[in-house]
PDB file of N, CA and C in Angstrom:
ATOM      1  N   MET A   1      -2.601 -11.022 -19.694  1.00  0.00           N
ATOM      2  CA  MET A   1      -3.673 -10.274 -18.784  1.00  0.00           C
ATOM      3  C   MET A   1      -2.746 -10.039 -17.378  1.00  0.00           C
ATOM      4  N   ASP A   2      -1.507 -10.597 -16.847  1.00  0.00           N
ATOM      5  CA  ASP A   2      -1.081  -9.720 -15.500  1.00  0.00           C
ATOM      6  C   ASP A   2      -0.905  -8.746 -15.556  1.00  0.00           C
ATOM      7  N   GLY A   3      -1.760  -8.108 -14.267  1.00  0.00           N
ATOM      8  CA  GLY A   3      -1.390  -7.046 -13.781  1.00  0.00           C
ATOM      9  C   GLY A   3      -2.692  -6.031 -14.474  1.00  0.00           C
ATOM     10  N   GLU A   4      -3.495  -6.616 -15.113  1.00  0.00           N
ATOM     11  CA  GLU A   4      -4.393  -5.526 -15.720  1.00  0.00           C
ATOM     12  C   GLU A   4      -5.765  -5.845 -14.849  1.00  0.00           C
ATOM     13  N   ALA A   5      -6.706  -4.696 -14.839  1.00  0.00           N
ATOM     14  CA  ALA A   5      -7.798  -4.733 -14.204  1.00  0.00           C
ATOM     15  C   ALA A   5      -8.656  -5.065 -14.943  1.00  0.00           C
ATOM     16  N   GLU A   6      -9.593  -6.100 -13.851  1.00  0.00           N
ATOM     17  CA  GLU A   6     -10.736  -6.294 -14.057  1.00  0.00           C
ATOM     18  C   GLU A   6     -12.244  -5.827 -13.811  1.00  0.00           C
ATOM     19  N   GLU A   7     -12.943  -6.205 -14.776  1.00  0.00           N
ATOM     20  CA  GLU A   7     -14.511  -5.230 -14.906  1.00  0.00           C
ATOM     21  C   GLU A   7     -14.797  -4.717 -13.302  1.00  0.00           C
ATOM     22  N   ASP A   8     -14.500  -5.556 -12.659  1.00  0.00           N
ATOM     23  CA  ASP A   8     -15.023  -5.396 -10.986  1.00  0.00           C
ATOM     24  C   ASP A   8     -13.894  -4.512 -10.913  1.00  0.00           C
ATOM     25  N   GLY A   9     -13.102  -3.755 -11.181  1.00  0.00           N
ATOM     26  CA  GLY A   9     -11.882  -3.028 -10.653  1.00  0.00           C
ATOM     27  C   GLY A   9     -10.785  -3.891  -9.777  1.00  0.00           C
ATOM     28  N   SER A  10     -10.751  -4.855  -9.939  1.00  0.00           N
ATOM     29  CA  SER A  10      -9.909  -6.005  -9.164  1.00  0.00           C
ATOM     30  C   SER A  10      -8.903  -6.114 -10.221  1.00  0.00           C
ATOM     31  N   ALA A  11      -7.106  -6.041  -9.419  1.00  0.00           N
ATOM     32  CA  ALA A  11      -6.342  -6.663 -10.740  1.00  0.00           C
ATOM     33  C   ALA A  11      -6.140  -8.120 -10.769  1.00  0.00           C
ATOM     34  N   THR A  12      -5.355  -8.655 -11.624  1.00  0.00           N
ATOM     35  CA  THR A  12      -4.924 -10.044 -11.486  1.00  0.00           C
ATOM     36  C   THR A  12      -3.351  -9.866 -11.430  1.00  0.00           C
ATOM     37  N   GLY A  13      -2.929 -10.587 -11.657  1.00  0.00           N
ATOM     38  CA  GLY A  13      -2.296 -11.390 -11.301  1.00  0.00           C
ATOM     39  C   GLY A  13      -1.136 -11.344  -9.731  1.00  0.00           C
ATOM     40  N   ALA A  14       0.228 -11.888  -9.534  1.00  0.00           N
ATOM     41  CA  ALA A  14       0.598 -11.997  -8.483  1.00  0.00           C
ATOM     42  C   ALA A  14      -0.337 -11.053  -7.279  1.00  0.00           C
ATOM     43  N   ILE A  15       0.025 -11.307  -5.760  1.00  0.00           N
ATOM     44  CA  ILE A  15      -0.390 -10.409  -5.029  1.00  0.00           C
ATOM     45  C   ILE A  15       0.109 -10.771  -4.168  1.00  0.00           C
ATOM     46  N   SER A  16       1.053  -9.565  -3.168  1.00  0.00           N
ATOM     47  CA  SER A  16       2.036  -9.708  -2.183  1.00  0.00           C
ATOM     48  C   SER A  16       0.896  -8.879  -1.196  1.00  0.00           C
ATOM     49  N   VAL A  17       1.147  -9.495   0.063  1.00  0.00           N
ATOM     50  CA  VAL A  17       0.839  -8.652   1.365  1.00  0.00           C
ATOM     51  C   VAL A  17       1.763  -8.648   2.471  1.00  0.00           C
ATOM     52  N   PHE A  18       1.554  -7.550   2.875  1.00  0.00           N
ATOM     53  CA  PHE A  18       2.463  -7.453   3.685  1.00  0.00           C
ATOM     54  C   PHE A  18       2.045  -6.413   5.343  1.00  0.00           C
ATOM     55  N   ARG A  19       2.973  -6.734   6.416  1.00  0.00           N
ATOM     56  CA  ARG A  19       2.302  -5.608   7.507  1.00  0.00           C
ATOM     57  C   ARG A  19       3.419  -4.447   7.555  1.00  0.00           C
ATOM     58  N   ALA A  20       2.880  -3.217   7.602  1.00  0.00           N
ATOM     59  CA  ALA A  20       3.713  -2.075   7.351  1.00  0.00           C
ATOM     60  C   ALA A  20       3.144  -1.087   8.548  1.00  0.00           C
ATOM     61  N   ARG A  21       4.445   0.277   8.619  1.00  0.00           N
ATOM     62  CA  ARG A  21       3.834   1.180   9.738  1.00  0.00           C
ATOM     63  C   ARG A  21       4.115   2.193   8.703  1.00  0.00           C
ATOM     64  N   VAL A  22       2.275   3.043   8.876  1.00  0.00           N
ATOM     65  CA  VAL A  22       2.540   4.075   7.562  1.00  0.00           C
ATOM     66  C   VAL A  22       1.885   5.042   8.714  1.00  0.00           C
ATOM     67  N   TYR A  23       2.637   6.365   8.240  1.00  0.00           N
ATOM     68  CA  TYR A  23       2.575   7.656   8.854  1.00  0.00           C
ATOM     69  C   TYR A  23       1.482   8.331   7.778  1.00  0.00           C
ATOM     70  N   PHE A  24       0.225   8.542   7.874  1.00  0.00           N
ATOM     71  CA  PHE A  24      -0.358   9.130   6.997  1.00  0.00           C
ATOM     72  C   PHE A  24      -0.370  10.458   7.410  1.00  0.00           C
ATOM     73  N   LEU A  25       0.036  11.811   6.227  1.00  0.00           N
ATOM     74  CA  LEU A  25       0.566  13.039   6.269  1.00  0.00           C
ATOM     75  C   LEU A  25      -0.532  14.150   6.760  1.00  0.00           C
ATOM     76  N   LYS A  26      -0.434  15.340   7.258  1.00  0.00           N
ATOM     77  CA  LYS A  26      -1.090  16.011   7.708  1.00  0.00           C
ATOM     78  C   LYS A  26      -1.768  17.068   6.058  1.00  0.00           C
ATOM     79  N   PRO A  27      -2.734  17.695   6.348  1.00  0.00           N
ATOM     80  CA  PRO A  27      -3.156  18.613   5.550  1.00  0.00           C
ATOM     81  C   PRO A  27      -1.848  19.432   4.721  1.00  0.00           C
ATOM     82  N   GLU A  28      -1.406  19.698   5.842  1.00  0.00           N
ATOM     83  CA  GLU A  28       0.073  21.239   5.716  1.00  0.00           C
ATOM     84  C   GLU A  28       1.178  20.514   5.357  1.00  0.00           C
ATOM     85  N   GLU A  29       1.367  18.821   5.593  1.00  0.00           N
ATOM     86  CA  GLU A  29       2.286  18.306   5.099  1.00  0.00           C
ATOM     87  C   GLU A  29       2.478  17.912   3.570  1.00  0.00           C
ATOM     88  N   GLY A  30       0.869  18.340   3.104  1.00  0.00           N
ATOM     89  CA  GLY A  30       0.323  17.434   1.594  1.00  0.00           C
ATOM     90  C   GLY A  30      -0.302  16.675   1.821  1.00  0.00           C
ATOM     91  N   GLY A  31      -0.884  16.213   2.637  1.00  0.00           N
ATOM     92  CA  GLY A  31      -1.463  14.664   2.661  1.00  0.00           C
ATOM     93  C   GLY A  31      -2.902  15.262   2.956  1.00  0.00           C
ATOM     94  N   ARG A  32      -3.575  13.871   2.611  1.00  0.00           N
ATOM     95  CA  ARG A  32      -5.010  14.048   2.945  1.00  0.00           C
ATOM     96  C   ARG A  32      -5.868  14.911   4.250  1.00  0.00           C
ATOM     97  N   ALA A  33      -7.056  15.615   3.960  1.00  0.00           N
ATOM     98  CA  ALA A  33      -8.008  16.372   4.698  1.00  0.00           C
ATOM     99  C   ALA A  33      -8.819  15.624   5.949  1.00  0.00           C
ATOM    100  N   LEU A  34      -9.320  14.325   5.204  1.00  0.00           N
ATOM    101  CA  LEU A  34     -10.060  13.657   5.359  1.00  0.00           C
ATOM    102  C   LEU A  34      -9.294  12.245   6.082  1.00  0.00           C
ATOM    103  N   PRO A  35     -10.047  11.446   6.947  1.00  0.00           N
ATOM    104  CA  PRO A  35      -9.517   9.946   7.431  1.00  0.00           C
ATOM    105  C   PRO A  35      -9.432   9.135   6.502  1.00  0.00           C
ATOM    106  N   ILE A  36      -8.871   8.156   6.630  1.00  0.00           N
ATOM    107  CA  ILE A  36      -9.034   7.189   5.291  1.00  0.00           C
ATOM    108  C   ILE A  36      -9.738   5.709   6.564  1.00  0.00           C
ATOM    109  N   ALA A  37     -10.106   4.688   5.726  1.00  0.00           N
ATOM    110  CA  ALA A  37     -10.925   3.771   6.240  1.00  0.00           C
ATOM    111  C   ALA A  37     -10.012   2.159   5.836  1.00  0.00           C
ATOM    112  N   SER A  38      -9.872   1.497   6.918  1.00  0.00           N
ATOM    113  CA  SER A  38      -9.764  -0.077   6.292  1.00  0.00           C
ATOM    114  C   SER A  38     -10.574  -0.037   4.470  1.00  0.00           C
ATOM    115  N   GLY A  39      -9.922  -1.209   3.286  1.00  0.00           N
ATOM    116  CA  GLY A  39     -10.513  -0.913   1.874  1.00  0.00           C
ATOM    117  C   GLY A  39     -10.120   0.239   1.331  1.00  0.00           C
ATOM    118  N   TYR A  40      -9.299   1.273   1.700  1.00  0.00           N
ATOM    119  CA  TYR A  40      -8.717   2.289   1.016  1.00  0.00           C
ATOM    120  C   TYR A  40      -7.688   1.958  -0.082  1.00  0.00           C
ATOM    121  N   ARG A  41      -7.480   2.541  -1.197  1.00  0.00           N
ATOM    122  CA  ARG A  41      -7.075   1.966  -2.517  1.00  0.00           C
ATOM    123  C   ARG A  41      -6.509   2.698  -2.815  1.00  0.00           C
ATOM    124  N   PRO A  42      -5.022   2.910  -2.376  1.00  0.00           N
ATOM    125  CA  PRO A  42      -3.982   3.824  -3.021  1.00  0.00           C
ATOM    126  C   PRO A  42      -3.152   3.677  -4.251  1.00  0.00           C
ATOM    127  N   THR A  43      -2.594   4.281  -4.563  1.00  0.00           N
ATOM    128  CA  THR A  43      -1.013   3.594  -5.343  1.00  0.00           C
ATOM    129  C   THR A  43      -0.174   3.812  -4.320  1.00  0.00           C
ATOM    130  N   LEU A  44       0.784   2.674  -4.184  1.00  0.00           N
ATOM    131  CA  LEU A  44       1.955   2.372  -3.452  1.00  0.00           C
ATOM    132  C   LEU A  44       3.082   2.748  -4.247  1.00  0.00           C
ATOM    133  N   ARG A  45       4.265   3.794  -3.977  1.00  0.00           N
ATOM    134  CA  ARG A  45       5.315   3.541  -4.566  1.00  0.00           C
ATOM    135  C   ARG A  45       6.286   3.014  -3.708  1.00  0.00           C
ATOM    136  N   LEU A  46       7.116   1.474  -4.557  1.00  0.00           N
ATOM    137  CA  LEU A  46       8.430   1.634  -4.003  1.00  0.00           C
ATOM    138  C   LEU A  46       9.547   1.867  -4.168  1.00  0.00           C
ATOM    139  N   GLY A  47      10.723   1.701  -3.866  1.00  0.00           N
ATOM    140  CA  GLY A  47      11.931   1.510  -4.782  1.00  0.00           C
ATOM    141  C   GLY A  47      12.575   3.824  -4.070  1.00  0.00           C
ATOM    142  N   PRO A  48      13.538   3.860  -5.094  1.00  0.00           N
ATOM    143  CA  PRO A  48      14.143   5.052  -4.431  1.00  0.00           C
ATOM    144  C   PRO A  48      13.023   6.251  -5.173  1.00  0.00           C
ATOM    145  N   LYS A  49      13.056   7.183  -4.507  1.00  0.00           N
ATOM    146  CA  LYS A  49      11.900   8.609  -4.575  1.00  0.00           C
ATOM    147  C   LYS A  49      12.047   8.950  -6.700  1.00  0.00           C
ATOM    148  N   GLY A  50      11.083   9.414  -6.906  1.00  0.00           N
ATOM    149  CA  GLY A  50      11.398  10.396  -7.562  1.00  0.00           C
ATOM    150  C   GLY A  50      11.161   9.358  -9.292  1.00  0.00           C
ATOM    151  N   ASP A  51      11.610   9.694 -10.416  1.00  0.00           N
ATOM    152  CA  ASP A  51      10.766   8.829 -11.699  1.00  0.00           C
ATOM    153  C   ASP A  51      11.270   7.392 -11.927  1.00  0.00           C
ATOM    154  N   ASP A  52      12.211   7.157 -10.896  1.00  0.00           N
ATOM    155  CA  ASP A  52      12.743   5.446 -10.755  1.00  0.00           C
ATOM    156  C   ASP A  52      11.795   4.527  -9.684  1.00  0.00           C
ATOM    157  N   CYS A  53      10.834   5.234  -9.191  1.00  0.00           N
ATOM    158  CA  CYS A  53      10.308   4.454  -7.824  1.00  0.00           C
ATOM    159  C   CYS A  53       8.908   3.462  -9.096  1.00  0.00           C
ATOM    160  N   GLU A  54       8.729   2.002  -8.790  1.00  0.00           N
ATOM    161  CA  GLU A  54       7.667   1.812  -8.976  1.00  0.00           C
ATOM    162  C   GLU A  54       6.521   1.985  -8.319  1.00  0.00           C
ATOM    163  N   ALA A  55       4.957   1.777  -9.161  1.00  0.00           N
ATOM    164  CA  ALA A  55       4.074   1.838  -8.355  1.00  0.00           C
ATOM    165  C   ALA A  55       3.203   0.813  -8.768  1.00  0.00           C
ATOM    166  N   PHE A  56       2.464   0.851  -7.514  1.00  0.00           N
ATOM    167  CA  PHE A  56       1.543  -0.470  -7.638  1.00  0.00           C
ATOM    168  C   PHE A  56       0.406  -0.232  -7.478  1.00  0.00           C
ATOM    169  N   ASP A  57      -1.290  -0.871  -7.184  1.00  0.00           N
ATOM    170  CA  ASP A  57      -2.093  -0.757  -7.109  1.00  0.00           C
ATOM    171  C   ASP A  57      -2.567  -1.458  -5.832  1.00  0.00           C
ATOM    172  N   SER A  58      -2.974  -1.044  -4.912  1.00  0.00           N
ATOM    173  CA  SER A  58      -2.908  -1.561  -3.127  1.00  0.00           C
ATOM    174  C   SER A  58      -4.157  -1.417  -2.480  1.00  0.00           C
ATOM    175  N   VAL A  59      -4.413  -2.108  -1.742  1.00  0.00           N
ATOM    176  CA  VAL A  59      -5.219  -2.166  -0.722  1.00  0.00           C
ATOM    177  C   VAL A  59      -5.062  -2.227   0.551  1.00  0.00           C
ATOM    178  N   VAL A  60      -5.462  -1.117   1.554  1.00  0.00           N
ATOM    179  CA  VAL A  60      -5.050  -0.832   2.546  1.00  0.00           C
ATOM    180  C   VAL A  60      -5.957  -1.508   3.767  1.00  0.00           C
ATOM    181  N   THR A  61      -5.540  -2.364   4.879  1.00  0.00           N
ATOM    182  CA  THR A  61      -6.359  -2.627   5.818  1.00  0.00           C
ATOM    183  C   THR A  61      -5.948  -1.953   7.166  1.00  0.00           C
ATOM    184  N   LEU A  62      -6.094  -1.382   7.788  1.00  0.00           N
ATOM    185  CA  LEU A  62      -6.010  -0.744   9.061  1.00  0.00           C
ATOM    186  C   LEU A  62      -5.956  -2.231   9.923  1.00  0.00           C
ATOM    187  N   GLU A  63      -5.025  -1.972  11.203  1.00  0.00           N
ATOM    188  CA  GLU A  63      -5.275  -2.956  12.107  1.00  0.00           C
ATOM    189  C   GLU A  63      -5.804  -1.665  13.268  1.00  0.00           C
ATOM    190  N   GLY A  64      -6.788  -2.228  13.908  1.00  0.00           N
ATOM    191  CA  GLY A  64      -6.978  -1.590  15.266  1.00  0.00           C
ATOM    192  C   GLY A  64      -8.569  -1.464  14.935  1.00  0.00           C
ATOM    193  N   ASP A  65      -9.048  -0.031  15.159  1.00  0.00           N
ATOM    194  CA  ASP A  65     -10.418   0.343  14.794  1.00  0.00           C
ATOM    195  C   ASP A  65     -10.600   0.335  13.446  1.00  0.00           C
ATOM    196  N   GLY A  66      -9.845   0.402  12.369  1.00  0.00           N
ATOM    197  CA  GLY A  66      -9.699   0.669  10.920  1.00  0.00           C
ATOM    198  C   GLY A  66     -10.076   2.008  10.228  1.00  0.00           C
ATOM    199  N   VAL A  67      -9.882   3.083  11.376  1.00  0.00           N
ATOM    200  CA  VAL A  67      -9.845   4.186  10.713  1.00  0.00           C
ATOM    201  C   VAL A  67      -8.588   5.483  11.228  1.00  0.00           C
ATOM    202  N   ALA A  68      -7.835   5.939  10.047  1.00  0.00           N
ATOM    203  CA  ALA A  68      -6.776   6.558  10.426  1.00  0.00           C
ATOM    204  C   ALA A  68      -7.136   8.371  10.243  1.00  0.00           C
ATOM    205  N   LEU A  69      -6.636   8.982  10.975  1.00  0.00           N
ATOM    206  CA  LEU A  69      -7.145  10.154  10.750  1.00  0.00           C
ATOM    207  C   LEU A  69      -5.876  11.292  10.547  1.00  0.00           C
ATOM    208  N   PRO A  70      -5.331  12.143   9.767  1.00  0.00           N
ATOM    209  CA  PRO A  70      -4.004  12.621   8.925  1.00  0.00           C
ATOM    210  C   PRO A  70      -3.303  13.149  10.119  1.00  0.00           C
ATOM    211  N   GLY A  71      -2.167  12.693  10.039  1.00  0.00           N
ATOM    212  CA  GLY A  71      -0.954  12.879  11.252  1.00  0.00           C
ATOM    213  C   GLY A  71      -0.995  11.930  12.301  1.00  0.00           C
ATOM    214  N   GLU A  72      -1.702  10.592  12.056  1.00  0.00           N
ATOM    215  CA  GLU A  72      -1.646   9.387  12.972  1.00  0.00           C
ATOM    216  C   GLU A  72      -0.447   8.589  11.948  1.00  0.00           C
ATOM    217  N   GLU A  73       0.177   7.678  12.990  1.00  0.00           N
ATOM    218  CA  GLU A  73       0.713   6.494  12.495  1.00  0.00           C
ATOM    219  C   GLU A  73       0.313   5.146  12.725  1.00  0.00           C
ATOM    220  N   ARG A  74       0.141   4.275  11.649  1.00  0.00           N
ATOM    221  CA  ARG A  74      -0.575   2.913  12.289  1.00  0.00           C
ATOM    222  C   ARG A  74       0.047   2.095  11.422  1.00  0.00           C
ATOM    223  N   VAL A  75      -0.411   0.666  11.884  1.00  0.00           N
ATOM    224  CA  VAL A  75       0.175  -0.232  11.018  1.00  0.00           C
ATOM    225  C   VAL A  75      -1.020  -0.888  10.583  1.00  0.00           C
ATOM    226  N   ALA A  76      -0.819  -1.921   9.417  1.00  0.00           N
ATOM    227  CA  ALA A  76      -1.519  -1.906   8.196  1.00  0.00           C
ATOM    228  C   ALA A  76      -1.133  -3.136   7.492  1.00  0.00           C
ATOM    229  N   ARG A  77      -2.173  -3.732   6.970  1.00  0.00           N
ATOM    230  CA  ARG A  77      -1.557  -4.609   5.827  1.00  0.00           C
ATOM    231  C   ARG A  77      -2.183  -4.107   4.460  1.00  0.00           C
ATOM    232  N   ILE A  78      -1.238  -4.250   3.866  1.00  0.00           N
ATOM    233  CA  ILE A  78      -0.917  -4.028   2.395  1.00  0.00           C
ATOM    234  C   ILE A  78      -1.026  -4.916   1.545  1.00  0.00           C
ATOM    235  N   LYS A  79      -2.258  -4.903   0.684  1.00  0.00           N
ATOM    236  CA  LYS A  79      -2.470  -5.596  -0.248  1.00  0.00           C
ATOM    237  C   LYS A  79      -1.377  -5.290  -1.850  1.00  0.00           C
ATOM    238  N   VAL A  80      -0.502  -6.052  -2.433  1.00  0.00           N
ATOM    239  CA  VAL A  80      -0.031  -5.234  -3.734  1.00  0.00           C
ATOM    240  C   VAL A  80      -0.192  -6.300  -4.815  1.00  0.00           C
ATOM    241  N   TRP A  81      -1.157  -5.986  -5.835  1.00  0.00           N
ATOM    242  CA  TRP A  81      -0.902  -6.179  -7.177  1.00  0.00           C
ATOM    243  C   TRP A  81       0.153  -6.079  -7.584  1.00  0.00           C
ATOM    244  N   ALA A  82       1.635  -6.741  -7.852  1.00  0.00           N
ATOM    245  CA  ALA A  82       2.841  -6.735  -8.655  1.00  0.00           C
ATOM    246  C   ALA A  82       3.015  -7.825  -9.058  1.00  0.00           C
ATOM    247  N   PRO A  83       3.089  -7.825 -10.065  1.00  0.00           N
ATOM    248  CA  PRO A  83       3.809  -9.534 -11.066  1.00  0.00           C
ATOM    249  C   PRO A  83       5.043  -9.402 -11.441  1.00  0.00           C
ATOM    250  N   GLU A  84       5.485  -7.905 -11.380  1.00  0.00           N
ATOM    251  CA  GLU A  84       6.776  -8.117 -11.438  1.00  0.00           C
ATOM    252  C   GLU A  84       7.760  -7.625  -9.804  1.00  0.00           C
ATOM    253  N   LEU A  85       7.051  -7.791  -9.299  1.00  0.00           N
ATOM    254  CA  LEU A  85       8.266  -7.993  -7.896  1.00  0.00           C
ATOM    255  C   LEU A  85       8.845  -9.064  -7.708  1.00  0.00           C
ATOM    256  N   PRO A  86      10.333  -8.423  -7.393  1.00  0.00           N
ATOM    257  CA  PRO A  86      11.122 -10.339  -7.364  1.00  0.00           C
ATOM    258  C   PRO A  86      10.611 -11.206  -6.113  1.00  0.00           C
ATOM    259  N   GLU A  87      10.883 -11.908  -6.112  1.00  0.00           N
ATOM    260  CA  GLU A  87      10.447 -13.203  -4.897  1.00  0.00           C
ATOM    261  C   GLU A  87      11.075 -12.568  -3.538  1.00  0.00           C
ATOM    262  N   GLY A  88      10.524 -12.330  -2.344  1.00  0.00           N
ATOM    263  CA  GLY A  88      11.050 -11.847  -1.008  1.00  0.00           C
ATOM    264  C   GLY A  88      10.699 -10.698  -1.123  1.00  0.00           C
ATOM    265  N   ALA A  89      10.225  -9.818  -2.217  1.00  0.00           N
ATOM    266  CA  ALA A  89      10.552  -8.386  -2.482  1.00  0.00           C
ATOM    267  C   ALA A  89       8.776  -7.753  -1.764  1.00  0.00           C
ATOM    268  N   PRO A  90       8.499  -6.756  -0.771  1.00  0.00           N
ATOM    269  CA  PRO A  90       9.803  -5.953  -0.258  1.00  0.00           C
ATOM    270  C   PRO A  90      10.395  -6.323   1.176  1.00  0.00           C
ATOM    271  N   LYS A  91      11.399  -5.985   1.227  1.00  0.00           N
ATOM    272  CA  LYS A  91      12.328  -6.619   2.356  1.00  0.00           C
ATOM    273  C   LYS A  91      11.987  -5.933   3.342  1.00  0.00           C
ATOM    274  N   PRO A  92      11.955  -6.328   5.127  1.00  0.00           N
ATOM    275  CA  PRO A  92      11.678  -5.424   6.311  1.00  0.00           C
ATOM    276  C   PRO A  92      12.383  -4.707   6.167  1.00  0.00           C
ATOM    277  N   ASP A  93      11.830  -2.933   6.871  1.00  0.00           N
ATOM    278  CA  ASP A  93      12.157  -2.127   6.654  1.00  0.00           C
ATOM    279  C   ASP A  93      12.763  -1.129   5.470  1.00  0.00           C
ATOM    280  N   ALA A  94      12.400  -1.468   4.576  1.00  0.00           N
ATOM    281  CA  ALA A  94      12.163  -0.792   3.379  1.00  0.00           C
ATOM    282  C   ALA A  94      11.286   0.156   2.811  1.00  0.00           C
ATOM    283  N   PRO A  95      11.495   1.200   2.829  1.00  0.00           N
ATOM    284  CA  PRO A  95      10.559   2.580   2.937  1.00  0.00           C
ATOM    285  C   PRO A  95       9.476   2.296   1.562  1.00  0.00           C
ATOM    286  N   PHE A  96       8.429   3.261   1.898  1.00  0.00           N
ATOM    287  CA  PHE A  96       7.724   3.824   0.513  1.00  0.00           C
ATOM    288  C   PHE A  96       6.841   4.412   0.804  1.00  0.00           C
ATOM    289  N   GLU A  97       5.653   4.574  -0.149  1.00  0.00           N
ATOM    290  CA  GLU A  97       5.126   5.909  -0.151  1.00  0.00           C
ATOM    291  C   GLU A  97       3.330   5.628  -0.728  1.00  0.00           C
ATOM    292  N   ILE A  98       2.675   6.235  -0.408  1.00  0.00           N
ATOM    293  CA  ILE A  98       1.012   6.305  -0.660  1.00  0.00           C
ATOM    294  C   ILE A  98       1.039   7.104  -0.981  1.00  0.00           C
ATOM    295  N   ALA A  99       0.906   6.955  -2.455  1.00  0.00           N
ATOM    296  CA  ALA A  99      -0.181   8.085  -3.092  1.00  0.00           C
ATOM    297  C   ALA A  99      -1.473   8.016  -3.988  1.00  0.00           C
ATOM    298  N   GLU A 100      -2.062   9.387  -3.925  1.00  0.00           N
ATOM    299  CA  GLU A 100      -2.955   9.629  -4.610  1.00  0.00           C
ATOM    300  C   GLU A 100      -3.135  10.488  -5.786  1.00  0.00           C
ATOM    301  N   VAL A 101      -2.943   9.555  -6.681  1.00  0.00           N
ATOM    302  CA  VAL A 101      -2.232  10.172  -8.288  1.00  0.00           C
ATOM    303  C   VAL A 101      -0.944  10.626  -8.274  1.00  0.00           C
ATOM    304  N   VAL A 102      -0.789  11.834  -7.933  1.00  0.00           N
ATOM    305  CA  VAL A 102       0.631  12.469  -8.050  1.00  0.00           C
ATOM    306  C   VAL A 102       0.702  13.125  -6.358  1.00  0.00           C
ATOM    307  N   ARG A 103      -0.461  13.458  -5.889  1.00  0.00           N
ATOM    308  CA  ARG A 103       0.294  13.525  -4.346  1.00  0.00           C
ATOM    309  C   ARG A 103       0.334  12.167  -3.396  1.00  0.00           C
ATOM    310  N   THR A 104       1.737  12.813  -2.632  1.00  0.00           N
ATOM    311  CA  THR A 104       2.131  11.894  -1.517  1.00  0.00           C
ATOM    312  C   THR A 104       1.477  12.061  -0.110  1.00  0.00           C
ATOM    313  N   VAL A 105       0.534  11.277   0.002  1.00  0.00           N
ATOM    314  CA  VAL A 105      -0.298  11.328   1.094  1.00  0.00           C
ATOM    315  C   VAL A 105       0.177   9.822   2.402  1.00  0.00           C
ATOM    316  N   GLY A 106       0.942   9.469   2.031  1.00  0.00           N
ATOM    317  CA  GLY A 106       1.456   8.617   3.494  1.00  0.00           C
ATOM    318  C   GLY A 106       2.777   7.762   3.455  1.00  0.00           C
ATOM    319  N   ARG A 107       3.930   7.800   4.508  1.00  0.00           N
ATOM    320  CA  ARG A 107       5.039   7.289   4.428  1.00  0.00           C
ATOM    321  C   ARG A 107       5.427   6.329   5.465  1.00  0.00           C
ATOM    322  N   GLY A 108       6.029   5.033   4.558  1.00  0.00           N
ATOM    323  CA  GLY A 108       6.094   4.005   6.093  1.00  0.00           C
ATOM    324  C   GLY A 108       7.049   3.098   5.605  1.00  0.00           C
ATOM    325  N   THR A 109       7.465   1.829   6.202  1.00  0.00           N
ATOM    326  CA  THR A 109       8.363   1.171   6.157  1.00  0.00           C
ATOM    327  C   THR A 109       7.730  -0.415   6.506  1.00  0.00           C
ATOM    328  N   ILE A 110       8.321  -1.258   5.596  1.00  0.00           N
ATOM    329  CA  ILE A 110       7.689  -2.707   5.526  1.00  0.00           C
ATOM    330  C   ILE A 110       8.146  -2.982   7.226  1.00  0.00           C
ATOM    331  N   ILE A 111       7.150  -3.837   7.866  1.00  0.00           N
ATOM    332  CA  ILE A 111       7.476  -4.665   8.695  1.00  0.00           C
ATOM    333  C   ILE A 111       8.016  -5.911   8.620  1.00  0.00           C
ATOM    334  N   GLY A 112       7.036  -7.114   7.501  1.00  0.00           N
ATOM    335  CA  GLY A 112       7.580  -8.115   7.022  1.00  0.00           C
ATOM    336  C   GLY A 112       6.095  -8.175   6.481  1.00  0.00           C
ATOM    337  N   ARG A 113       6.523  -9.514   5.389  1.00  0.00           N
ATOM    338  CA  ARG A 113       5.552  -9.718   4.260  1.00  0.00           C
ATOM    339  C   ARG A 113       4.299 -10.963   5.388  1.00  0.00           C
ATOM    340  N   VAL A 114       3.495 -11.053   4.774  1.00  0.00           N
ATOM    341  CA  VAL A 114       2.336 -11.851   5.941  1.00  0.00           C
ATOM    342  C   VAL A 114       1.592 -13.165   4.143  1.00  0.00           C
ATOM    343  N   GLU A 115       2.132 -14.473   4.755  1.00  0.00           N
ATOM    344  CA  GLU A 115       1.172 -15.513   3.901  1.00  0.00           C
ATOM    345  C   GLU A 115      -0.145 -15.325   4.480  1.00  0.00           C
ATOM    346  N   GLU A 116      -0.250 -15.367   3.178  1.00  0.00           N
ATOM    347  CA  GLU A 116      -2.224 -15.296   3.120  1.00  0.00           C
ATOM    348  C   GLU A 116      -2.627 -16.800   2.488  1.00  0.00           C
ATOM    349  N   PRO A 117      -3.507 -17.692   3.566  1.00  0.00           N
ATOM    350  CA  PRO A 117      -3.684 -18.944   3.071  1.00  0.00           C
ATOM    351  C   PRO A 117      -4.560 -18.755   1.880  1.00  0.00           C
ATOM    352  N   PRO A 118      -4.050 -20.050   0.985  1.00  0.00           N
ATOM    353  CA  PRO A 118      -5.090 -19.808  -0.445  1.00  0.00           C
ATOM    354  C   PRO A 118      -5.972 -19.930  -0.209  1.00  0.00           C
ATOM    355  N   ALA A 119      -6.655 -19.063  -1.687  1.00  0.00           N
ATOM    356  CA  ALA A 119      -8.461 -18.560  -1.376  1.00  0.00           C
ATOM    357  C   ALA A 119      -9.855 -20.206  -1.533  1.00  0.00           C
ATOM    358  N   PRO A 120     -10.289 -20.366  -0.874  1.00  0.00           N
ATOM    359  CA  PRO A 120     -11.188 -21.699  -0.995  1.00  0.00           C
ATOM    360  C   PRO A 120     -11.591 -22.113  -2.518  1.00  0.00           C
ATOM    361  N   GLY A 121     -11.625 -22.974  -3.313  1.00  0.00           N
ATOM    362  CA  GLY A 121     -11.738 -22.828  -4.336  1.00  0.00           C
ATOM    363  C   GLY A 121     -11.890 -24.184  -4.728  1.00  0.00           C
TER     364      GLY A 121
END
């Protein structure tokens, strides 16, 4: 079941959280026309551009006021469900893309991993 979606839309499997600098493309650059807010759930593409990149479900939480307009660069926490990521990946300064289906709507670089405390349980 690792990496499969649960009925509530959440994914199971390993979760990685990292901080990143993200530039959200303007509509004329192929990006969104509307702003995004914390809780946004795009696909994250890591690795080389093209067919060799790996795509993962993610949740973006923006730092600051929690809303980003097209054309803005923001710092965000990105939670990724990625059971196949090697230990320690992604590395700081690694590039990535944020996508909605096939459309790239943002580009960024990793700042570093975030160690989240274990869930109460």
